[in-house]
Amino acid sequence: MTEEKKAVLYRMVMQNHICPFGIKSKDLLKREGYQIEDHHLTTREETDAFKAKHKVETTPQTFIEGHKIGGYDDLRAYFGKERKQTNKKTYQPVIAVFAMTFLMAIASIWMMSNSFSLIPIAEMFIAYSMCVLAILKLRDLFAFTNQFITYDLIGMRYVPYAYFYPFAEAFVGIGMIAEVLTPVVSVIAIFIGSVGALSVIKAVYIDKRDLKCACVGGNSNVPLGFISLTENIMMVVMGVWMIFKLFYV
């Protein structure tokens, strides 16, 4: 007969705050087959008293077989799982945006023409990407500008340009979708895309600076580098293509 595995968990469950790591610790213990003695710390005073008693600085805290395991990261390590690194640089946000906008482009073109025409899909993909990336910047303009002006060639010399950029990107994306004001949209796309590309090249490849990119908004952990050029290159290519279409197609 298999001996029942038991764990004791202390976590904050207050009226105005429920600790997310406490919930994750409980879920992890369940998935590992443990019966959980779940203790709720319902007030700040109760939480502080618990920390003082057990000489810990944070909650939740898990105990297994009378031994203190620690917080959520410690619990993951106890079960041989990789520690979660919230400040680790990652391209995940960019990949998520581009994957979703690419699927949106395919769905839109299929809905309009029942076909998978590559050029219309590429056009819509770039337009949708510009709009989504603009939304991510506009949700916190202050945070975006703080990150953007550390490497953008114009932004670091003229801060208002950093506030202008997301609106310009949104205008470009919407103009591409609607196919209106093509000359203006094209010029703006080529300008901000070219400046952005040159800024990344200078910061990363010439100055060798280790920076985070503001392409998906402020406070992101996306590294500034080759993939960061994608947003700018797409705008330049689309701007040139729109002018070409206007006069030659």
Protein backbone atom coordinates (compact mmCIF):
# COMPACT_ATOMS: atom_id res chain seq x y z
CA MET A 1 0.00 0.00 0.00
CA THR A 2 1.43 3.37 -1.03
CA GLU A 3 1.94 5.79 1.84
CA GLU A 4 -0.08 8.96 1.47
CA LYS A 5 2.09 12.00 0.76
CA LYS A 6 1.23 15.02 2.86
CA ALA A 7 2.29 18.67 2.73
CA VAL A 8 1.51 21.70 4.85
CA LEU A 9 1.04 25.00 3.02
CA TYR A 10 0.80 28.48 4.49
CA ARG A 11 -0.40 31.17 2.08
CA MET A 12 -2.01 34.61 2.11
CA VAL A 13 -5.75 34.58 1.48
CA MET A 14 -7.01 38.02 2.43
CA GLN A 15 -10.13 39.93 1.49
CA ASN A 16 -8.21 42.25 -0.84
CA HIS A 17 -5.32 39.99 -1.79
CA ILE A 18 -4.89 36.32 -2.62
CA CYS A 19 -1.28 35.37 -3.23
CA PRO A 20 -0.90 33.95 -6.77
CA PHE A 21 2.18 31.96 -5.77
CA GLY A 22 0.19 30.35 -2.99
CA ILE A 23 -2.35 29.15 -5.54
CA LYS A 24 0.45 27.90 -7.79
CA SER A 25 2.14 26.11 -4.89
CA LYS A 26 -1.13 24.37 -4.01
CA ASP A 27 -1.66 23.36 -7.62
CA LEU A 28 1.89 22.01 -7.94
CA LEU A 29 1.52 19.96 -4.76
CA LYS A 30 -1.75 18.50 -6.03
CA ARG A 31 -0.18 17.56 -9.35
CA GLU A 32 2.64 15.85 -7.47
CA GLY A 33 0.10 13.74 -5.60
CA TYR A 34 0.19 15.40 -2.17
CA GLN A 35 -2.63 15.76 0.31
CA ILE A 36 -2.47 19.39 1.41
CA GLU A 37 -3.07 20.89 4.82
CA ASP A 38 -3.90 24.36 3.56
CA HIS A 39 -3.48 27.19 6.09
CA HIS A 40 -4.78 30.63 5.13
CA LEU A 41 -3.07 33.74 6.47
CA THR A 42 -6.01 36.12 6.47
CA THR A 43 -4.54 39.32 7.91
CA ARG A 44 -1.30 41.25 7.64
CA GLU A 45 -0.70 40.77 11.37
CA GLU A 46 -1.13 37.00 11.05
CA THR A 47 1.22 36.93 8.08
CA ASP A 48 3.90 38.97 9.88
CA ALA A 49 3.63 36.74 12.95
CA PHE A 50 4.06 33.63 10.77
CA LYS A 51 7.16 35.10 9.08
CA ALA A 52 8.70 35.99 12.42
CA LYS A 53 7.99 32.57 13.92
CA HIS A 54 9.50 30.64 11.01
CA LYS A 55 12.20 33.21 10.22
CA VAL A 56 11.15 33.67 6.59
CA GLU A 57 10.74 36.84 4.54
CA THR A 58 8.03 35.73 2.14
CA THR A 59 4.95 33.57 1.78
CA PRO A 60 3.76 31.07 0.67
CA GLN A 61 5.79 28.50 2.60
CA THR A 62 5.53 24.75 2.15
CA PHE A 63 6.51 22.06 4.66
CA ILE A 64 6.90 18.41 3.65
CA GLU A 65 7.52 15.70 6.27
CA GLY A 66 8.23 18.41 8.81
CA HIS A 67 10.93 20.02 6.68
CA LYS A 68 10.61 23.58 5.43
CA ILE A 69 10.81 23.59 1.63
CA GLY A 70 10.28 27.33 1.12
CA GLY A 71 8.41 29.42 -1.45
CA TYR A 72 7.08 28.56 -4.88
CA ASP A 73 10.49 28.62 -6.60
CA ASP A 74 11.94 26.44 -3.82
CA LEU A 75 9.04 24.02 -4.22
CA ARG A 76 9.66 23.76 -7.95
CA ALA A 77 13.33 23.08 -7.28
CA TYR A 78 12.36 20.41 -4.71
CA PHE A 79 10.44 18.57 -7.42
CA GLY A 80 13.30 18.95 -9.90
CA LYS A 81 11.61 21.60 -11.99
CA GLU A 82 13.28 24.69 -13.44
CA ARG A 83 12.96 27.84 -11.37
CA LYS A 84 10.73 30.50 -12.90
CA GLN A 85 12.77 33.57 -13.87
CA THR A 86 10.44 36.53 -14.29
CA ASN A 87 13.28 38.88 -15.27
CA LYS A 88 14.87 36.57 -17.83
CA LYS A 89 15.25 38.04 -21.31
CA THR A 90 12.95 36.32 -23.80
CA TYR A 91 11.54 36.71 -27.30
CA GLN A 92 8.27 35.09 -26.24
CA PRO A 93 6.18 38.33 -26.43
CA VAL A 94 7.39 39.07 -29.98
CA ILE A 95 6.82 35.48 -31.10
CA ALA A 96 3.32 35.55 -29.61
CA VAL A 97 2.44 38.78 -31.43
CA PHE A 98 3.79 37.68 -34.80
CA ALA A 99 2.28 34.20 -34.58
CA MET A 100 -1.16 35.61 -33.74
CA THR A 101 -1.12 38.37 -36.35
CA PHE A 102 0.05 35.88 -39.00
CA LEU A 103 -2.89 33.60 -38.21
CA MET A 104 -5.22 36.62 -38.21
CA ALA A 105 -3.91 37.59 -41.64
CA ILE A 106 -4.49 34.09 -43.01
CA ALA A 107 -8.01 34.03 -41.56
CA SER A 108 -8.83 37.47 -42.96
CA ILE A 109 -7.65 36.70 -46.49
CA TRP A 110 -9.43 33.34 -46.46
CA MET A 111 -12.64 35.03 -45.32
CA MET A 112 -12.42 37.67 -48.05
CA SER A 113 -11.30 35.53 -50.99
CA ASN A 114 -11.35 31.85 -50.00
CA SER A 115 -7.68 31.68 -50.92
CA PHE A 116 -4.23 31.69 -49.36
CA SER A 117 -2.67 34.33 -51.61
CA LEU A 118 0.79 35.00 -50.22
CA ILE A 119 1.11 38.71 -51.02
CA PRO A 120 -2.23 39.74 -49.46
CA ILE A 121 -1.45 37.60 -46.42
CA ALA A 122 1.97 39.26 -46.06
CA GLU A 123 0.41 42.71 -46.40
CA MET A 124 -2.25 42.00 -43.79
CA PHE A 125 0.26 40.32 -41.48
CA ILE A 126 2.47 43.40 -41.41
CA ALA A 127 -0.52 45.73 -40.96
CA TYR A 128 -1.97 43.71 -38.09
CA SER A 129 1.48 43.44 -36.48
CA MET A 130 1.90 47.22 -36.53
CA CYS A 131 -1.50 47.71 -34.90
CA VAL A 132 -0.93 45.15 -32.15
CA LEU A 133 2.58 46.42 -31.40
CA ALA A 134 1.19 49.97 -31.24
CA ILE A 135 -1.47 48.85 -28.73
CA LEU A 136 1.20 47.29 -26.52
CA LYS A 137 3.15 50.55 -26.54
CA LEU A 138 0.12 52.77 -25.99
CA ARG A 139 -1.12 50.84 -22.96
CA ASP A 140 1.68 52.48 -20.93
CA LEU A 141 3.25 55.34 -22.84
CA PHE A 142 5.41 56.45 -19.93
CA ALA A 143 7.02 53.04 -19.48
CA PHE A 144 7.47 52.66 -23.24
CA THR A 145 9.23 56.01 -23.61
CA ASN A 146 11.56 55.28 -20.69
CA GLN A 147 12.83 52.19 -22.49
CA PHE A 148 12.66 53.56 -26.05
CA ILE A 149 14.78 56.66 -25.48
CA THR A 150 17.73 54.59 -24.24
CA TYR A 151 18.55 53.50 -27.80
CA ASP A 152 16.44 55.33 -30.40
CA LEU A 153 18.58 57.85 -32.27
CA ILE A 154 15.87 60.52 -32.37
CA GLY A 155 14.12 59.67 -29.11
CA MET A 156 17.25 60.11 -26.99
CA ARG A 157 17.74 63.60 -28.42
CA TYR A 158 14.09 64.69 -28.70
CA VAL A 159 11.86 62.95 -26.13
CA PRO A 160 8.50 63.99 -27.69
CA TYR A 161 9.36 61.74 -30.65
CA ALA A 162 9.14 58.76 -28.29
CA TYR A 163 5.55 59.73 -27.45
CA PHE A 164 4.76 60.27 -31.13
CA TYR A 165 6.12 56.91 -32.28
CA PRO A 166 3.32 54.56 -31.10
CA PHE A 167 0.65 56.82 -32.62
CA ALA A 168 2.59 56.91 -35.89
CA GLU A 169 2.87 53.12 -35.86
CA ALA A 170 -0.87 52.78 -35.21
CA PHE A 171 -1.60 55.21 -38.05
CA VAL A 172 0.61 53.19 -40.38
CA GLY A 173 -1.06 49.90 -39.44
CA ILE A 174 -4.59 51.24 -39.88
CA GLY A 175 -3.63 52.97 -43.14
CA MET A 176 -2.23 49.70 -44.47
CA ILE A 177 -5.42 47.82 -43.63
CA ALA A 178 -7.74 50.47 -45.10
CA GLU A 179 -5.42 51.27 -48.03
CA VAL A 180 -6.04 54.99 -47.57
CA LEU A 181 -3.65 57.97 -47.57
CA THR A 182 -1.10 55.65 -49.13
CA PRO A 183 1.63 58.26 -49.86
CA VAL A 184 1.50 59.61 -46.29
CA VAL A 185 1.34 56.16 -44.71
CA SER A 186 4.25 54.96 -46.85
CA VAL A 187 6.50 57.91 -46.02
CA ILE A 188 5.84 57.61 -42.28
CA ALA A 189 6.41 53.83 -42.36
CA ILE A 190 9.71 54.21 -44.21
CA PHE A 191 10.87 57.03 -41.93
CA ILE A 192 10.14 55.53 -38.51
CA GLY A 193 11.15 52.07 -39.72
CA SER A 194 14.50 53.28 -41.06
CA VAL A 195 15.32 55.30 -37.93
CA GLY A 196 14.36 52.32 -35.79
CA ALA A 197 16.53 49.93 -37.75
CA LEU A 198 19.54 52.25 -37.67
CA SER A 199 19.03 52.76 -33.93
CA VAL A 200 19.12 49.02 -33.24
CA ILE A 201 22.14 48.50 -35.49
CA LYS A 202 24.08 51.28 -33.75
CA ALA A 203 23.11 50.25 -30.21
CA VAL A 204 23.64 46.51 -30.62
CA TYR A 205 26.20 45.96 -33.37
CA ILE A 206 28.32 49.11 -33.19
CA ASP A 207 28.14 50.20 -29.54
CA LYS A 208 27.72 46.58 -28.31
CA ARG A 209 25.16 47.61 -25.69
CA ASP A 210 23.09 45.00 -23.86
CA LEU A 211 19.60 46.52 -23.85
CA LYS A 212 15.95 45.53 -23.72
CA CYS A 213 13.68 46.35 -26.64
CA ALA A 214 10.54 48.47 -26.25
CA CYS A 215 8.90 46.92 -29.31
CA VAL A 216 6.19 45.23 -27.22
CA GLY A 217 5.90 48.13 -24.78
CA GLY A 218 7.72 49.32 -21.70
CA ASN A 219 9.06 47.09 -18.94
CA SER A 220 9.43 44.17 -21.36
CA ASN A 221 12.21 41.60 -21.17
CA VAL A 222 12.66 41.29 -24.94
CA PRO A 223 16.37 41.67 -25.79
CA LEU A 224 17.32 44.33 -28.29
CA GLY A 225 18.91 42.58 -31.25
CA PHE A 226 18.39 40.99 -34.64
CA ILE A 227 14.78 39.96 -34.06
CA SER A 228 14.07 43.46 -32.78
CA LEU A 229 14.91 44.71 -36.27
CA THR A 230 11.94 42.79 -37.64
CA GLU A 231 9.38 45.42 -36.68
CA ASN A 232 11.36 48.17 -38.37
CA ILE A 233 12.27 46.17 -41.46
CA MET A 234 8.63 45.19 -41.96
CA MET A 235 7.58 48.84 -41.89
CA VAL A 236 10.24 49.87 -44.40
CA VAL A 237 9.46 46.99 -46.76
CA MET A 238 5.72 47.62 -46.55
CA GLY A 239 6.18 51.36 -47.09
CA VAL A 240 8.25 50.76 -50.24
CA TRP A 241 5.82 48.12 -51.45
CA MET A 242 2.81 50.44 -51.03
CA ILE A 243 4.50 53.13 -53.12
CA PHE A 244 5.40 50.56 -55.75
CA LYS A 245 1.80 49.32 -55.89
CA LEU A 246 0.47 52.86 -56.11
CA PHE A 247 2.43 53.70 -59.24
CA TYR A 248 3.24 50.42 -60.94
CA VAL A 249 0.58 47.83 -60.09
